[in-house]
Amino acid sequence: MTRIVLKENESVDIAIRRFRRAIDATGLIKEVKARAAYEKPTTERKRKKAAAVSRLRKRLRSQTLKKKMY
C-alpha cells in the first residue's frame, strides 16, 4: 500500500502530486487497468513486443551521436 506523510505547511495539491508519482513508480495504475478487462493473449504479446521495440529504439537513439556533434 502506498502511503505518503504530509509535511509541515505542505499544500494538498503538492501532496496529491507526490502520491500520484509514488503510485506511478509502483506500477499500480497499470496493473489495475490490466486487470479491469480481459486481454487476449495475442493482443498482450503484440503490446509487449511493441513496447520492447520502442525501448530498443529509445536506447539506440540515446547511444547514437547527434549530427551536430561530428
PDB file of N, CA and C in Angstrom:
ATOM      1  N   MET A   1       0.843  -1.176   0.000  1.00  0.00           N
ATOM      2  CA  MET A   1       0.000   0.000   0.000  1.00  0.00           C
ATOM      3  C   MET A   1       0.889   1.240   0.000  1.00  0.00           C
ATOM      4  N   THR A   2       0.562   2.141  -0.875  1.00  0.00           N
ATOM      5  CA  THR A   2       1.342   3.363  -0.997  1.00  0.00           C
ATOM      6  C   THR A   2       0.849   4.385   0.006  1.00  0.00           C
ATOM      7  N   ARG A   3       1.794   4.976   0.693  1.00  0.00           N
ATOM      8  CA  ARG A   3       1.468   5.938   1.734  1.00  0.00           C
ATOM      9  C   ARG A   3       2.408   7.119   1.648  1.00  0.00           C
ATOM     10  N   ILE A   4       1.874   8.304   1.864  1.00  0.00           N
ATOM     11  CA  ILE A   4       2.730   9.479   1.980  1.00  0.00           C
ATOM     12  C   ILE A   4       2.373  10.200   3.267  1.00  0.00           C
ATOM     13  N   VAL A   5       3.339  10.863   3.836  1.00  0.00           N
ATOM     14  CA  VAL A   5       3.121  11.615   5.065  1.00  0.00           C
ATOM     15  C   VAL A   5       3.177  13.095   4.712  1.00  0.00           C
ATOM     16  N   LEU A   6       2.154  13.809   5.123  1.00  0.00           N
ATOM     17  CA  LEU A   6       2.116  15.245   4.835  1.00  0.00           C
ATOM     18  C   LEU A   6       3.221  15.952   5.598  1.00  0.00           C
ATOM     19  N   LYS A   7       3.936  16.791   4.885  1.00  0.00           N
ATOM     20  CA  LYS A   7       4.980  17.564   5.529  1.00  0.00           C
ATOM     21  C   LYS A   7       4.358  18.822   6.131  1.00  0.00           C
ATOM     22  N   GLU A   8       5.107  19.459   6.978  1.00  0.00           N
ATOM     23  CA  GLU A   8       4.609  20.659   7.625  1.00  0.00           C
ATOM     24  C   GLU A   8       4.425  21.764   6.585  1.00  0.00           C
ATOM     25  N   ASN A   9       3.280  22.435   6.620  1.00  0.00           N
ATOM     26  CA  ASN A   9       2.924  23.531   5.709  1.00  0.00           C
ATOM     27  C   ASN A   9       2.928  23.093   4.245  1.00  0.00           C
ATOM     28  N   GLU A  10       2.591  21.826   3.979  1.00  0.00           N
ATOM     29  CA  GLU A  10       2.534  21.341   2.596  1.00  0.00           C
ATOM     30  C   GLU A  10       1.093  21.415   2.105  1.00  0.00           C
ATOM     31  N   SER A  11       0.905  21.958   0.909  1.00  0.00           N
ATOM     32  CA  SER A  11      -0.442  22.073   0.374  1.00  0.00           C
ATOM     33  C   SER A  11      -0.937  20.701  -0.079  1.00  0.00           C
ATOM     34  N   VAL A  12      -2.239  20.589  -0.189  1.00  0.00           N
ATOM     35  CA  VAL A  12      -2.855  19.327  -0.578  1.00  0.00           C
ATOM     36  C   VAL A  12      -2.489  18.984  -2.024  1.00  0.00           C
ATOM     37  N   ASP A  13      -2.416  19.996  -2.889  1.00  0.00           N
ATOM     38  CA  ASP A  13      -2.087  19.754  -4.295  1.00  0.00           C
ATOM     39  C   ASP A  13      -0.721  19.100  -4.445  1.00  0.00           C
ATOM     40  N   ILE A  14       0.243  19.582  -3.709  1.00  0.00           N
ATOM     41  CA  ILE A  14       1.595  19.026  -3.777  1.00  0.00           C
ATOM     42  C   ILE A  14       1.608  17.611  -3.212  1.00  0.00           C
ATOM     43  N   ALA A  15       0.850  17.383  -2.158  1.00  0.00           N
ATOM     44  CA  ALA A  15       0.781  16.050  -1.569  1.00  0.00           C
ATOM     45  C   ALA A  15       0.142  15.055  -2.547  1.00  0.00           C
ATOM     46  N   ILE A  16      -0.902  15.487  -3.230  1.00  0.00           N
ATOM     47  CA  ILE A  16      -1.545  14.618  -4.223  1.00  0.00           C
ATOM     48  C   ILE A  16      -0.582  14.322  -5.360  1.00  0.00           C
ATOM     49  N   ARG A  17       0.188  15.321  -5.777  1.00  0.00           N
ATOM     50  CA  ARG A  17       1.171  15.118  -6.840  1.00  0.00           C
ATOM     51  C   ARG A  17       2.229  14.094  -6.416  1.00  0.00           C
ATOM     52  N   ARG A  18       2.694  14.188  -5.159  1.00  0.00           N
ATOM     53  CA  ARG A  18       3.667  13.215  -4.648  1.00  0.00           C
ATOM     54  C   ARG A  18       3.063  11.822  -4.596  1.00  0.00           C
ATOM     55  N   PHE A  19       1.786  11.740  -4.192  1.00  0.00           N
ATOM     56  CA  PHE A  19       1.099  10.455  -4.115  1.00  0.00           C
ATOM     57  C   PHE A  19       0.979   9.815  -5.498  1.00  0.00           C
ATOM     58  N   ARG A  20       0.598  10.599  -6.488  1.00  0.00           N
ATOM     59  CA  ARG A  20       0.478  10.074  -7.851  1.00  0.00           C
ATOM     60  C   ARG A  20       1.818   9.593  -8.375  1.00  0.00           C
ATOM     61  N   ARG A  21       2.882  10.343  -8.091  1.00  0.00           N
ATOM     62  CA  ARG A  21       4.224   9.931  -8.510  1.00  0.00           C
ATOM     63  C   ARG A  21       4.607   8.603  -7.859  1.00  0.00           C
ATOM     64  N   ALA A  22       4.272   8.463  -6.583  1.00  0.00           N
ATOM     65  CA  ALA A  22       4.595   7.228  -5.863  1.00  0.00           C
ATOM     66  C   ALA A  22       3.825   6.043  -6.445  1.00  0.00           C
ATOM     67  N   ILE A  23       2.572   6.253  -6.796  1.00  0.00           N
ATOM     68  CA  ILE A  23       1.768   5.184  -7.385  1.00  0.00           C
ATOM     69  C   ILE A  23       2.301   4.823  -8.766  1.00  0.00           C
ATOM     70  N   ASP A  24       2.693   5.818  -9.555  1.00  0.00           N
ATOM     71  CA  ASP A  24       3.264   5.535 -10.873  1.00  0.00           C
ATOM     72  C   ASP A  24       4.547   4.728 -10.746  1.00  0.00           C
ATOM     73  N   ALA A  25       5.334   5.020  -9.743  1.00  0.00           N
ATOM     74  CA  ALA A  25       6.597   4.299  -9.546  1.00  0.00           C
ATOM     75  C   ALA A  25       6.350   2.828  -9.216  1.00  0.00           C
ATOM     76  N   THR A  26       5.283   2.534  -8.500  1.00  0.00           N
ATOM     77  CA  THR A  26       4.997   1.150  -8.144  1.00  0.00           C
ATOM     78  C   THR A  26       4.315   0.390  -9.274  1.00  0.00           C
ATOM     79  N   GLY A  27       3.732   1.094 -10.246  1.00  0.00           N
ATOM     80  CA  GLY A  27       3.056   0.443 -11.364  1.00  0.00           C
ATOM     81  C   GLY A  27       1.657  -0.022 -11.018  1.00  0.00           C
ATOM     82  N   LEU A  28       1.078   0.547  -9.990  1.00  0.00           N
ATOM     83  CA  LEU A  28      -0.233   0.123  -9.520  1.00  0.00           C
ATOM     84  C   LEU A  28      -1.329   0.451 -10.527  1.00  0.00           C
ATOM     85  N   ILE A  29      -1.300   1.637 -11.104  1.00  0.00           N
ATOM     86  CA  ILE A  29      -2.337   2.054 -12.047  1.00  0.00           C
ATOM     87  C   ILE A  29      -2.328   1.144 -13.279  1.00  0.00           C
ATOM     88  N   LYS A  30      -1.142   0.823 -13.760  1.00  0.00           N
ATOM     89  CA  LYS A  30      -1.022  -0.043 -14.936  1.00  0.00           C
ATOM     90  C   LYS A  30      -1.616  -1.416 -14.646  1.00  0.00           C
ATOM     91  N   GLU A  31      -1.358  -1.938 -13.447  1.00  0.00           N
ATOM     92  CA  GLU A  31      -1.879  -3.252 -13.080  1.00  0.00           C
ATOM     93  C   GLU A  31      -3.393  -3.232 -12.940  1.00  0.00           C
ATOM     94  N   VAL A  32      -3.943  -2.178 -12.360  1.00  0.00           N
ATOM     95  CA  VAL A  32      -5.396  -2.067 -12.205  1.00  0.00           C
ATOM     96  C   VAL A  32      -6.069  -2.013 -13.568  1.00  0.00           C
ATOM     97  N   LYS A  33      -5.502  -1.239 -14.489  1.00  0.00           N
ATOM     98  CA  LYS A  33      -6.080  -1.156 -15.831  1.00  0.00           C
ATOM     99  C   LYS A  33      -5.981  -2.493 -16.551  1.00  0.00           C
ATOM    100  N   ALA A  34      -4.895  -3.221 -16.341  1.00  0.00           N
ATOM    101  CA  ALA A  34      -4.736  -4.517 -16.988  1.00  0.00           C
ATOM    102  C   ALA A  34      -5.738  -5.531 -16.450  1.00  0.00           C
ATOM    103  N   ARG A  35      -6.055  -5.451 -15.185  1.00  0.00           N
ATOM    104  CA  ARG A  35      -6.994  -6.399 -14.583  1.00  0.00           C
ATOM    105  C   ARG A  35      -8.449  -6.010 -14.801  1.00  0.00           C
ATOM    106  N   ALA A  36      -8.687  -4.775 -15.248  1.00  0.00           N
ATOM    107  CA  ALA A  36     -10.062  -4.306 -15.415  1.00  0.00           C
ATOM    108  C   ALA A  36     -10.795  -5.062 -16.520  1.00  0.00           C
ATOM    109  N   ALA A  37     -10.093  -5.428 -17.574  1.00  0.00           N
ATOM    110  CA  ALA A  37     -10.743  -6.122 -18.687  1.00  0.00           C
ATOM    111  C   ALA A  37      -9.811  -7.214 -19.193  1.00  0.00           C
ATOM    112  N   TYR A  38     -10.408  -8.237 -19.768  1.00  0.00           N
ATOM    113  CA  TYR A  38      -9.633  -9.352 -20.300  1.00  0.00           C
ATOM    114  C   TYR A  38      -8.915  -8.909 -21.569  1.00  0.00           C
ATOM    115  N   GLU A  39      -7.674  -9.301 -21.674  1.00  0.00           N
ATOM    116  CA  GLU A  39      -6.898  -9.026 -22.876  1.00  0.00           C
ATOM    117  C   GLU A  39      -6.498 -10.364 -23.494  1.00  0.00           C
ATOM    118  N   LYS A  40      -6.802 -10.507 -24.773  1.00  0.00           N
ATOM    119  CA  LYS A  40      -6.481 -11.772 -25.444  1.00  0.00           C
ATOM    120  C   LYS A  40      -4.967 -11.968 -25.451  1.00  0.00           C
ATOM    121  N   PRO A  41      -4.522 -13.215 -25.379  1.00  0.00           N
ATOM    122  CA  PRO A  41      -3.080 -13.480 -25.357  1.00  0.00           C
ATOM    123  C   PRO A  41      -2.347 -12.907 -26.561  1.00  0.00           C
ATOM    124  N   THR A  42      -2.969 -12.952 -27.742  1.00  0.00           N
ATOM    125  CA  THR A  42      -2.298 -12.403 -28.927  1.00  0.00           C
ATOM    126  C   THR A  42      -2.136 -10.892 -28.812  1.00  0.00           C
ATOM    127  N   THR A  43      -3.137 -10.218 -28.264  1.00  0.00           N
ATOM    128  CA  THR A  43      -3.064  -8.770 -28.080  1.00  0.00           C
ATOM    129  C   THR A  43      -1.996  -8.418 -27.054  1.00  0.00           C
ATOM    130  N   GLU A  44      -1.919  -9.223 -25.994  1.00  0.00           N
ATOM    131  CA  GLU A  44      -0.909  -8.984 -24.967  1.00  0.00           C
ATOM    132  C   GLU A  44       0.503  -9.143 -25.539  1.00  0.00           C
ATOM    133  N   ARG A  45       0.727 -10.206 -26.330  1.00  0.00           N
ATOM    134  CA  ARG A  45       2.033 -10.406 -26.958  1.00  0.00           C
ATOM    135  C   ARG A  45       2.376  -9.257 -27.888  1.00  0.00           C
ATOM    136  N   LYS A  46       1.384  -8.811 -28.652  1.00  0.00           N
ATOM    137  CA  LYS A  46       1.595  -7.702 -29.581  1.00  0.00           C
ATOM    138  C   LYS A  46       1.996  -6.427 -28.841  1.00  0.00           C
ATOM    139  N   ARG A  47       1.289  -6.148 -27.732  1.00  0.00           N
ATOM    140  CA  ARG A  47       1.569  -4.946 -26.946  1.00  0.00           C
ATOM    141  C   ARG A  47       2.966  -5.010 -26.331  1.00  0.00           C
ATOM    142  N   LYS A  48       3.330  -6.178 -25.793  1.00  0.00           N
ATOM    143  CA  LYS A  48       4.643  -6.328 -25.185  1.00  0.00           C
ATOM    144  C   LYS A  48       5.750  -6.230 -26.226  1.00  0.00           C
ATOM    145  N   LYS A  49       5.524  -6.782 -27.420  1.00  0.00           N
ATOM    146  CA  LYS A  49       6.508  -6.699 -28.500  1.00  0.00           C
ATOM    147  C   LYS A  49       6.698  -5.243 -28.931  1.00  0.00           C
ATOM    148  N   ALA A  50       5.605  -4.499 -29.042  1.00  0.00           N
ATOM    149  CA  ALA A  50       5.689  -3.090 -29.430  1.00  0.00           C
ATOM    150  C   ALA A  50       6.438  -2.276 -28.371  1.00  0.00           C
ATOM    151  N   ALA A  51       6.217  -2.593 -27.097  1.00  0.00           N
ATOM    152  CA  ALA A  51       6.922  -1.898 -26.025  1.00  0.00           C
ATOM    153  C   ALA A  51       8.409  -2.201 -26.071  1.00  0.00           C
ATOM    154  N   ALA A  52       8.763  -3.443 -26.376  1.00  0.00           N
ATOM    155  CA  ALA A  52      10.172  -3.821 -26.462  1.00  0.00           C
ATOM    156  C   ALA A  52      10.854  -3.095 -27.624  1.00  0.00           C
ATOM    157  N   VAL A  53      10.173  -3.005 -28.761  1.00  0.00           N
ATOM    158  CA  VAL A  53      10.725  -2.295 -29.919  1.00  0.00           C
ATOM    159  C   VAL A  53      10.915  -0.828 -29.586  1.00  0.00           C
ATOM    160  N   SER A  54       9.941  -0.252 -28.894  1.00  0.00           N
ATOM    161  CA  SER A  54      10.026   1.154 -28.507  1.00  0.00           C
ATOM    162  C   SER A  54      11.210   1.393 -27.569  1.00  0.00           C
ATOM    163  N   ARG A  55      11.404   0.494 -26.595  1.00  0.00           N
ATOM    164  CA  ARG A  55      12.540   0.631 -25.680  1.00  0.00           C
ATOM    165  C   ARG A  55      13.863   0.520 -26.433  1.00  0.00           C
ATOM    166  N   LEU A  56      13.937  -0.417 -27.378  1.00  0.00           N
ATOM    167  CA  LEU A  56      15.152  -0.592 -28.167  1.00  0.00           C
ATOM    168  C   LEU A  56      15.469   0.653 -28.990  1.00  0.00           C
ATOM    169  N   ARG A  57      14.446   1.206 -29.635  1.00  0.00           N
ATOM    170  CA  ARG A  57      14.648   2.424 -30.432  1.00  0.00           C
ATOM    171  C   ARG A  57      15.097   3.582 -29.558  1.00  0.00           C
ATOM    172  N   LYS A  58      14.508   3.685 -28.381  1.00  0.00           N
ATOM    173  CA  LYS A  58      14.884   4.760 -27.460  1.00  0.00           C
ATOM    174  C   LYS A  58      16.337   4.609 -27.022  1.00  0.00           C
ATOM    175  N   ARG A  59      16.743   3.362 -26.712  1.00  0.00           N
ATOM    176  CA  ARG A  59      18.117   3.120 -26.295  1.00  0.00           C
ATOM    177  C   ARG A  59      19.098   3.416 -27.424  1.00  0.00           C
ATOM    178  N   LEU A  60      18.762   3.003 -28.642  1.00  0.00           N
ATOM    179  CA  LEU A  60      19.626   3.275 -29.791  1.00  0.00           C
ATOM    180  C   LEU A  60      19.718   4.771 -30.074  1.00  0.00           C
ATOM    181  N   ARG A  61      18.596   5.466 -29.924  1.00  0.00           N
ATOM    182  CA  ARG A  61      18.568   6.909 -30.151  1.00  0.00           C
ATOM    183  C   ARG A  61      19.463   7.636 -29.152  1.00  0.00           C
ATOM    184  N   SER A  62      19.493   7.156 -27.923  1.00  0.00           N
ATOM    185  CA  SER A  62      20.319   7.815 -26.901  1.00  0.00           C
ATOM    186  C   SER A  62      21.800   7.492 -27.084  1.00  0.00           C
ATOM    187  N   GLN A  63      22.118   6.355 -27.721  1.00  0.00           N
ATOM    188  CA  GLN A  63      23.510   5.959 -27.887  1.00  0.00           C
ATOM    189  C   GLN A  63      24.169   6.575 -29.107  1.00  0.00           C
ATOM    190  N   THR A  64      23.382   6.922 -30.119  1.00  0.00           N
ATOM    191  CA  THR A  64      23.970   7.478 -31.339  1.00  0.00           C
ATOM    192  C   THR A  64      24.307   8.945 -31.141  1.00  0.00           C
ATOM    193  N   LEU A  65      25.304   9.393 -31.866  1.00  0.00           N
ATOM    194  CA  LEU A  65      25.713  10.799 -31.781  1.00  0.00           C
ATOM    195  C   LEU A  65      24.779  11.660 -32.622  1.00  0.00           C
ATOM    196  N   LYS A  66      24.608  12.878 -32.184  1.00  0.00           N
ATOM    197  CA  LYS A  66      23.811  13.817 -32.936  1.00  0.00           C
ATOM    198  C   LYS A  66      24.597  14.280 -34.155  1.00  0.00           C
ATOM    199  N   LYS A  67      23.917  14.719 -35.190  1.00  0.00           N
ATOM    200  CA  LYS A  67      24.583  15.145 -36.412  1.00  0.00           C
ATOM    201  C   LYS A  67      25.494  16.344 -36.163  1.00  0.00           C
ATOM    202  N   LYS A  68      25.122  17.208 -35.253  1.00  0.00           N
ATOM    203  CA  LYS A  68      25.896  18.410 -34.984  1.00  0.00           C
ATOM    204  C   LYS A  68      27.219  18.106 -34.270  1.00  0.00           C
ATOM    205  N   MET A  69      27.311  16.928 -33.672  1.00  0.00           N
ATOM    206  CA  MET A  69      28.471  16.632 -32.840  1.00  0.00           C
ATOM    207  C   MET A  69      29.672  16.107 -33.644  1.00  0.00           C
ATOM    208  N   TYR A  70      29.478  15.711 -34.886  1.00  0.00           N
ATOM    209  CA  TYR A  70      30.603  15.213 -35.661  1.00  0.00           C
ATOM    210  C   TYR A  70      30.601  15.755 -37.063  1.00  0.00           C
TER     211      TYR A  70
END
